[in-house]
Amino acid sequence: MNGSILTAMSFGDRLAYAGRMTLIGMMTIFAALSILWLALALFRRALERGNAPKESKPAAPAASAPAPVVAPAPTNDGEIVAAITAAVSLMLADENGGRVPNFRVVSFRRSRGNTK
């Protein structure tokens, strides 16, 4: 509307006009948000349908329990000792405020316990 028309309106008419404009704006925003919500819901459903596991026939029960997986034995013990030494020195440095105490690894042996 033109500025001269608004000045010719009474206060009640201006208030009603502002109310209508506010209501139209709120309805427009609500409609846009509804459309956005619907689009996101459709995308979610499409993605869930695309990532759904394929239905397969049930497998026959195994006759025996599967064999446990055993990690291969490391071949280079020097690398293991170096990694352990580095971890110990970092731990000791954290405990001593960043100062690394002098130490050396004299020997090591493998434990026969659980290696999980």
N, C-alpha and C. Protein backbone atom coordinates (compact mmCIF):
# COMPACT_ATOMS: atom_id res chain seq x y z
N MET A 1 0.83 -1.18 0.00
CA MET A 1 0.00 0.00 0.00
C MET A 1 0.88 1.24 0.00
N ASN A 2 0.29 2.28 -0.45
CA ASN A 2 0.98 3.57 -0.53
C ASN A 2 0.96 4.23 0.84
N GLY A 3 1.98 5.02 1.14
CA GLY A 3 2.05 5.71 2.42
C GLY A 3 0.88 6.66 2.65
N SER A 4 0.37 7.27 1.59
CA SER A 4 -0.74 8.22 1.76
C SER A 4 -2.03 7.49 2.11
N ILE A 5 -2.17 6.28 1.65
CA ILE A 5 -3.38 5.51 1.97
C ILE A 5 -3.35 5.12 3.44
N LEU A 6 -2.15 4.72 3.95
CA LEU A 6 -2.05 4.35 5.36
C LEU A 6 -2.34 5.54 6.27
N THR A 7 -1.92 6.71 5.85
CA THR A 7 -2.19 7.88 6.69
C THR A 7 -3.67 8.26 6.67
N ALA A 8 -4.35 7.88 5.61
CA ALA A 8 -5.78 8.19 5.53
C ALA A 8 -6.61 7.19 6.34
N MET A 9 -6.01 6.05 6.75
CA MET A 9 -6.75 5.03 7.51
C MET A 9 -6.81 5.41 8.98
N SER A 10 -7.85 4.94 9.62
CA SER A 10 -7.96 5.18 11.06
C SER A 10 -7.02 4.23 11.80
N PHE A 11 -6.83 4.46 13.09
CA PHE A 11 -5.92 3.63 13.88
C PHE A 11 -6.40 2.19 13.92
N GLY A 12 -7.71 1.99 14.03
CA GLY A 12 -8.27 0.63 14.05
C GLY A 12 -8.04 -0.09 12.74
N ASP A 13 -8.21 0.64 11.61
CA ASP A 13 -7.97 0.03 10.30
C ASP A 13 -6.50 -0.34 10.13
N ARG A 14 -5.60 0.54 10.61
CA ARG A 14 -4.16 0.23 10.52
C ARG A 14 -3.81 -0.99 11.37
N LEU A 15 -4.41 -1.10 12.52
CA LEU A 15 -4.18 -2.23 13.40
C LEU A 15 -4.69 -3.52 12.76
N ALA A 16 -5.85 -3.47 12.12
CA ALA A 16 -6.39 -4.65 11.44
C ALA A 16 -5.50 -5.03 10.26
N TYR A 17 -5.01 -4.03 9.52
CA TYR A 17 -4.11 -4.29 8.39
C TYR A 17 -2.82 -4.95 8.87
N ALA A 18 -2.26 -4.47 9.97
CA ALA A 18 -1.03 -5.06 10.52
C ALA A 18 -1.29 -6.48 10.99
N GLY A 19 -2.45 -6.73 11.56
CA GLY A 19 -2.80 -8.09 12.00
C GLY A 19 -2.91 -9.04 10.83
N ARG A 20 -3.54 -8.58 9.74
CA ARG A 20 -3.66 -9.43 8.55
C ARG A 20 -2.29 -9.74 7.96
N MET A 21 -1.43 -8.72 7.88
CA MET A 21 -0.09 -8.94 7.33
C MET A 21 0.73 -9.91 8.21
N THR A 22 0.58 -9.78 9.52
CA THR A 22 1.27 -10.69 10.43
C THR A 22 0.76 -12.10 10.25
N LEU A 23 -0.54 -12.26 10.15
CA LEU A 23 -1.14 -13.58 9.97
C LEU A 23 -0.71 -14.19 8.64
N ILE A 24 -0.69 -13.42 7.58
CA ILE A 24 -0.26 -13.94 6.27
C ILE A 24 1.21 -14.35 6.33
N GLY A 25 2.04 -13.55 6.99
CA GLY A 25 3.45 -13.90 7.12
C GLY A 25 3.65 -15.18 7.92
N MET A 26 2.92 -15.33 9.02
CA MET A 26 3.04 -16.53 9.84
C MET A 26 2.56 -17.76 9.08
N MET A 27 1.48 -17.62 8.30
CA MET A 27 0.98 -18.75 7.52
C MET A 27 1.98 -19.14 6.44
N THR A 28 2.63 -18.16 5.84
CA THR A 28 3.62 -18.44 4.80
C THR A 28 4.80 -19.21 5.39
N ILE A 29 5.30 -18.76 6.54
CA ILE A 29 6.41 -19.44 7.20
C ILE A 29 6.01 -20.85 7.60
N PHE A 30 4.82 -21.02 8.16
CA PHE A 30 4.34 -22.34 8.56
C PHE A 30 4.24 -23.27 7.36
N ALA A 31 3.74 -22.77 6.24
CA ALA A 31 3.63 -23.59 5.04
C ALA A 31 5.01 -24.00 4.53
N ALA A 32 5.96 -23.06 4.53
CA ALA A 32 7.32 -23.39 4.07
C ALA A 32 7.97 -24.42 4.98
N LEU A 33 7.81 -24.28 6.28
CA LEU A 33 8.38 -25.25 7.22
C LEU A 33 7.72 -26.62 7.07
N SER A 34 6.42 -26.64 6.79
CA SER A 34 5.72 -27.92 6.58
C SER A 34 6.25 -28.62 5.34
N ILE A 35 6.47 -27.86 4.28
CA ILE A 35 7.01 -28.46 3.05
C ILE A 35 8.43 -28.98 3.29
N LEU A 36 9.23 -28.23 4.02
CA LEU A 36 10.59 -28.66 4.35
C LEU A 36 10.57 -29.93 5.20
N TRP A 37 9.68 -29.98 6.19
CA TRP A 37 9.56 -31.17 7.04
C TRP A 37 9.15 -32.38 6.21
N LEU A 38 8.22 -32.21 5.31
CA LEU A 38 7.77 -33.30 4.46
C LEU A 38 8.91 -33.81 3.57
N ALA A 39 9.68 -32.90 2.99
CA ALA A 39 10.80 -33.30 2.14
C ALA A 39 11.84 -34.07 2.95
N LEU A 40 12.16 -33.61 4.14
CA LEU A 40 13.13 -34.32 4.98
C LEU A 40 12.62 -35.69 5.40
N ALA A 41 11.34 -35.80 5.69
CA ALA A 41 10.77 -37.10 6.05
C ALA A 41 10.84 -38.06 4.87
N LEU A 42 10.58 -37.57 3.67
CA LEU A 42 10.67 -38.43 2.49
C LEU A 42 12.11 -38.86 2.22
N PHE A 43 13.07 -37.94 2.38
CA PHE A 43 14.48 -38.30 2.20
C PHE A 43 14.91 -39.35 3.22
N ARG A 44 14.47 -39.18 4.46
CA ARG A 44 14.82 -40.13 5.51
C ARG A 44 14.28 -41.51 5.17
N ARG A 45 13.04 -41.57 4.74
CA ARG A 45 12.45 -42.85 4.38
C ARG A 45 13.18 -43.50 3.20
N ALA A 46 13.55 -42.68 2.23
CA ALA A 46 14.27 -43.22 1.07
C ALA A 46 15.64 -43.75 1.48
N LEU A 47 16.33 -43.02 2.37
CA LEU A 47 17.64 -43.48 2.82
C LEU A 47 17.55 -44.73 3.67
N GLU A 48 16.53 -44.82 4.52
CA GLU A 48 16.35 -46.02 5.33
C GLU A 48 16.04 -47.22 4.45
N ARG A 49 15.27 -47.00 3.42
CA ARG A 49 14.93 -48.10 2.52
C ARG A 49 16.15 -48.54 1.73
N GLY A 50 17.02 -47.61 1.36
CA GLY A 50 18.22 -47.95 0.60
C GLY A 50 19.26 -48.64 1.46
N ASN A 51 19.30 -48.35 2.78
CA ASN A 51 20.29 -48.95 3.66
C ASN A 51 19.77 -50.17 4.39
N ALA A 52 18.54 -50.58 4.13
CA ALA A 52 17.97 -51.73 4.82
C ALA A 52 18.73 -52.99 4.41
N PRO A 53 18.99 -53.89 5.38
CA PRO A 53 19.67 -55.13 5.03
C PRO A 53 18.79 -56.00 4.15
N LYS A 54 19.43 -56.67 3.24
CA LYS A 54 18.70 -57.54 2.32
C LYS A 54 18.20 -58.75 3.09
N GLU A 55 16.96 -59.12 2.82
CA GLU A 55 16.43 -60.32 3.47
C GLU A 55 17.00 -61.54 2.77
N SER A 56 17.51 -62.43 3.57
CA SER A 56 18.06 -63.65 3.01
C SER A 56 17.44 -64.83 3.72
N LYS A 57 17.60 -65.99 3.11
CA LYS A 57 17.06 -67.20 3.70
C LYS A 57 17.85 -67.50 4.97
N PRO A 58 17.18 -68.00 5.99
CA PRO A 58 17.90 -68.32 7.22
C PRO A 58 18.91 -69.43 6.96
N ALA A 59 20.10 -69.24 7.52
CA ALA A 59 21.16 -70.21 7.32
C ALA A 59 20.91 -71.42 8.21
N ALA A 60 21.35 -72.56 7.73
CA ALA A 60 21.23 -73.78 8.50
C ALA A 60 22.18 -73.70 9.69
N PRO A 61 21.79 -74.22 10.84
CA PRO A 61 22.69 -74.16 11.99
C PRO A 61 23.96 -74.95 11.73
N ALA A 62 25.07 -74.42 12.22
CA ALA A 62 26.35 -75.07 12.01
C ALA A 62 26.44 -76.33 12.87
N ALA A 63 27.14 -77.31 12.36
CA ALA A 63 27.28 -78.58 13.07
C ALA A 63 28.19 -78.42 14.29
N SER A 64 29.20 -77.57 14.18
CA SER A 64 30.10 -77.36 15.31
C SER A 64 30.37 -75.88 15.48
N ALA A 65 30.90 -75.51 16.63
CA ALA A 65 31.20 -74.12 16.89
C ALA A 65 32.36 -73.67 16.02
N PRO A 66 32.35 -72.41 15.58
CA PRO A 66 33.46 -71.95 14.73
C PRO A 66 34.76 -71.88 15.54
N ALA A 67 35.85 -72.07 14.83
CA ALA A 67 37.16 -72.03 15.48
C ALA A 67 37.47 -70.60 15.89
N PRO A 68 38.12 -70.40 17.04
CA PRO A 68 38.46 -69.03 17.46
C PRO A 68 39.50 -68.43 16.53
N VAL A 69 39.40 -67.11 16.38
CA VAL A 69 40.33 -66.40 15.53
C VAL A 69 41.60 -66.13 16.34
N VAL A 70 42.73 -66.53 15.80
CA VAL A 70 44.00 -66.35 16.49
C VAL A 70 44.83 -65.37 15.68
N ALA A 71 45.32 -64.33 16.36
CA ALA A 71 46.15 -63.34 15.68
C ALA A 71 47.52 -63.94 15.39
N PRO A 72 48.07 -63.60 14.24
CA PRO A 72 49.40 -64.14 13.93
C PRO A 72 50.45 -63.60 14.89
N ALA A 73 51.43 -64.42 15.20
CA ALA A 73 52.48 -64.01 16.12
C ALA A 73 53.36 -62.96 15.45
N PRO A 74 53.73 -61.90 16.17
CA PRO A 74 54.59 -60.89 15.58
C PRO A 74 55.96 -61.48 15.26
N THR A 75 56.55 -61.00 14.19
CA THR A 75 57.82 -61.56 13.76
C THR A 75 59.00 -60.72 14.20
N ASN A 76 58.79 -59.44 14.49
CA ASN A 76 59.89 -58.58 14.85
C ASN A 76 59.71 -58.09 16.28
N ASP A 77 60.41 -58.73 17.23
CA ASP A 77 60.26 -58.35 18.64
C ASP A 77 60.87 -57.00 18.94
N GLY A 78 61.85 -56.58 18.16
CA GLY A 78 62.47 -55.27 18.39
C GLY A 78 61.48 -54.13 18.24
N GLU A 79 60.55 -54.24 17.29
CA GLU A 79 59.54 -53.20 17.10
C GLU A 79 58.58 -53.16 18.28
N ILE A 80 58.26 -54.33 18.81
CA ILE A 80 57.36 -54.38 19.96
C ILE A 80 58.03 -53.73 21.17
N VAL A 81 59.30 -54.06 21.40
CA VAL A 81 60.02 -53.48 22.53
C VAL A 81 60.12 -51.97 22.38
N ALA A 82 60.36 -51.49 21.17
CA ALA A 82 60.44 -50.04 20.94
C ALA A 82 59.10 -49.37 21.22
N ALA A 83 58.01 -49.99 20.82
CA ALA A 83 56.69 -49.40 21.06
C ALA A 83 56.38 -49.38 22.55
N ILE A 84 56.70 -50.46 23.25
CA ILE A 84 56.44 -50.50 24.69
C ILE A 84 57.31 -49.48 25.42
N THR A 85 58.57 -49.36 25.02
CA THR A 85 59.48 -48.40 25.64
C THR A 85 58.97 -46.97 25.43
N ALA A 86 58.50 -46.66 24.24
CA ALA A 86 57.97 -45.33 23.96
C ALA A 86 56.73 -45.05 24.81
N ALA A 87 55.86 -46.05 24.95
CA ALA A 87 54.65 -45.86 25.75
C ALA A 87 55.00 -45.63 27.22
N VAL A 88 55.97 -46.39 27.74
CA VAL A 88 56.36 -46.23 29.14
C VAL A 88 57.00 -44.86 29.36
N SER A 89 57.85 -44.42 28.41
CA SER A 89 58.50 -43.12 28.59
C SER A 89 57.48 -41.98 28.53
N LEU A 90 56.48 -42.09 27.69
CA LEU A 90 55.43 -41.06 27.65
C LEU A 90 54.63 -41.03 28.94
N MET A 91 54.33 -42.21 29.48
CA MET A 91 53.58 -42.28 30.73
C MET A 91 54.39 -41.67 31.87
N LEU A 92 55.68 -42.01 31.94
CA LEU A 92 56.52 -41.46 33.00
C LEU A 92 56.71 -39.96 32.84
N ALA A 93 56.79 -39.48 31.61
CA ALA A 93 56.93 -38.04 31.38
C ALA A 93 55.68 -37.30 31.85
N ASP A 94 54.50 -37.88 31.63
CA ASP A 94 53.26 -37.25 32.11
C ASP A 94 53.23 -37.20 33.63
N GLU A 95 53.72 -38.25 34.28
CA GLU A 95 53.71 -38.29 35.74
C GLU A 95 54.73 -37.33 36.35
N ASN A 96 55.83 -37.07 35.64
CA ASN A 96 56.91 -36.23 36.18
C ASN A 96 56.88 -34.82 35.62
N GLY A 97 55.77 -34.37 35.17
CA GLY A 97 55.65 -32.99 34.69
C GLY A 97 56.42 -32.72 33.41
N GLY A 98 56.53 -33.70 32.53
CA GLY A 98 57.19 -33.51 31.24
C GLY A 98 58.65 -33.91 31.23
N ARG A 99 59.21 -34.21 32.41
CA ARG A 99 60.62 -34.63 32.47
C ARG A 99 60.67 -36.15 32.38
N VAL A 100 61.40 -36.66 31.38
CA VAL A 100 61.50 -38.11 31.17
C VAL A 100 62.66 -38.65 32.00
N PRO A 101 62.37 -39.56 32.94
CA PRO A 101 63.46 -40.14 33.72
C PRO A 101 64.27 -41.13 32.87
N ASN A 102 65.51 -41.34 33.24
CA ASN A 102 66.36 -42.29 32.52
C ASN A 102 66.00 -43.71 32.94
N PHE A 103 65.79 -44.55 32.00
CA PHE A 103 65.57 -45.97 32.25
C PHE A 103 65.93 -46.73 30.98
N ARG A 104 66.10 -48.04 31.14
CA ARG A 104 66.36 -48.87 29.96
C ARG A 104 65.69 -50.21 30.17
N VAL A 105 65.30 -50.82 29.08
CA VAL A 105 64.66 -52.13 29.11
C VAL A 105 65.77 -53.16 29.11
N VAL A 106 65.82 -53.97 30.16
CA VAL A 106 66.88 -54.97 30.28
C VAL A 106 66.44 -56.28 29.65
N SER A 107 65.20 -56.69 29.90
CA SER A 107 64.72 -57.94 29.31
C SER A 107 63.20 -57.88 29.22
N PHE A 108 62.67 -58.78 28.49
CA PHE A 108 61.23 -58.91 28.40
C PHE A 108 60.92 -60.36 28.11
N ARG A 109 59.74 -60.79 28.46
CA ARG A 109 59.29 -62.15 28.13
C ARG A 109 57.79 -62.11 27.91
N ARG A 110 57.32 -63.01 27.12
CA ARG A 110 55.90 -63.09 26.81
C ARG A 110 55.16 -63.78 27.95
N SER A 111 53.97 -63.29 28.22
CA SER A 111 53.14 -63.97 29.21
C SER A 111 52.35 -65.05 28.51
N ARG A 112 51.98 -66.06 29.25
CA ARG A 112 51.21 -67.15 28.68
C ARG A 112 49.73 -67.01 29.01
N GLY A 113 49.37 -65.87 29.53
CA GLY A 113 47.99 -65.65 29.93
C GLY A 113 47.11 -65.32 28.73
N ASN A 114 45.97 -64.78 29.02
CA ASN A 114 45.00 -64.42 28.00
C ASN A 114 45.56 -63.23 27.20
N THR A 115 45.63 -63.35 25.88
CA THR A 115 46.24 -62.32 25.03
C THR A 115 45.19 -61.56 24.25
N LYS A 116 44.00 -61.42 24.78
CA LYS A 116 42.94 -60.70 24.05
C LYS A 116 43.22 -59.25 24.03
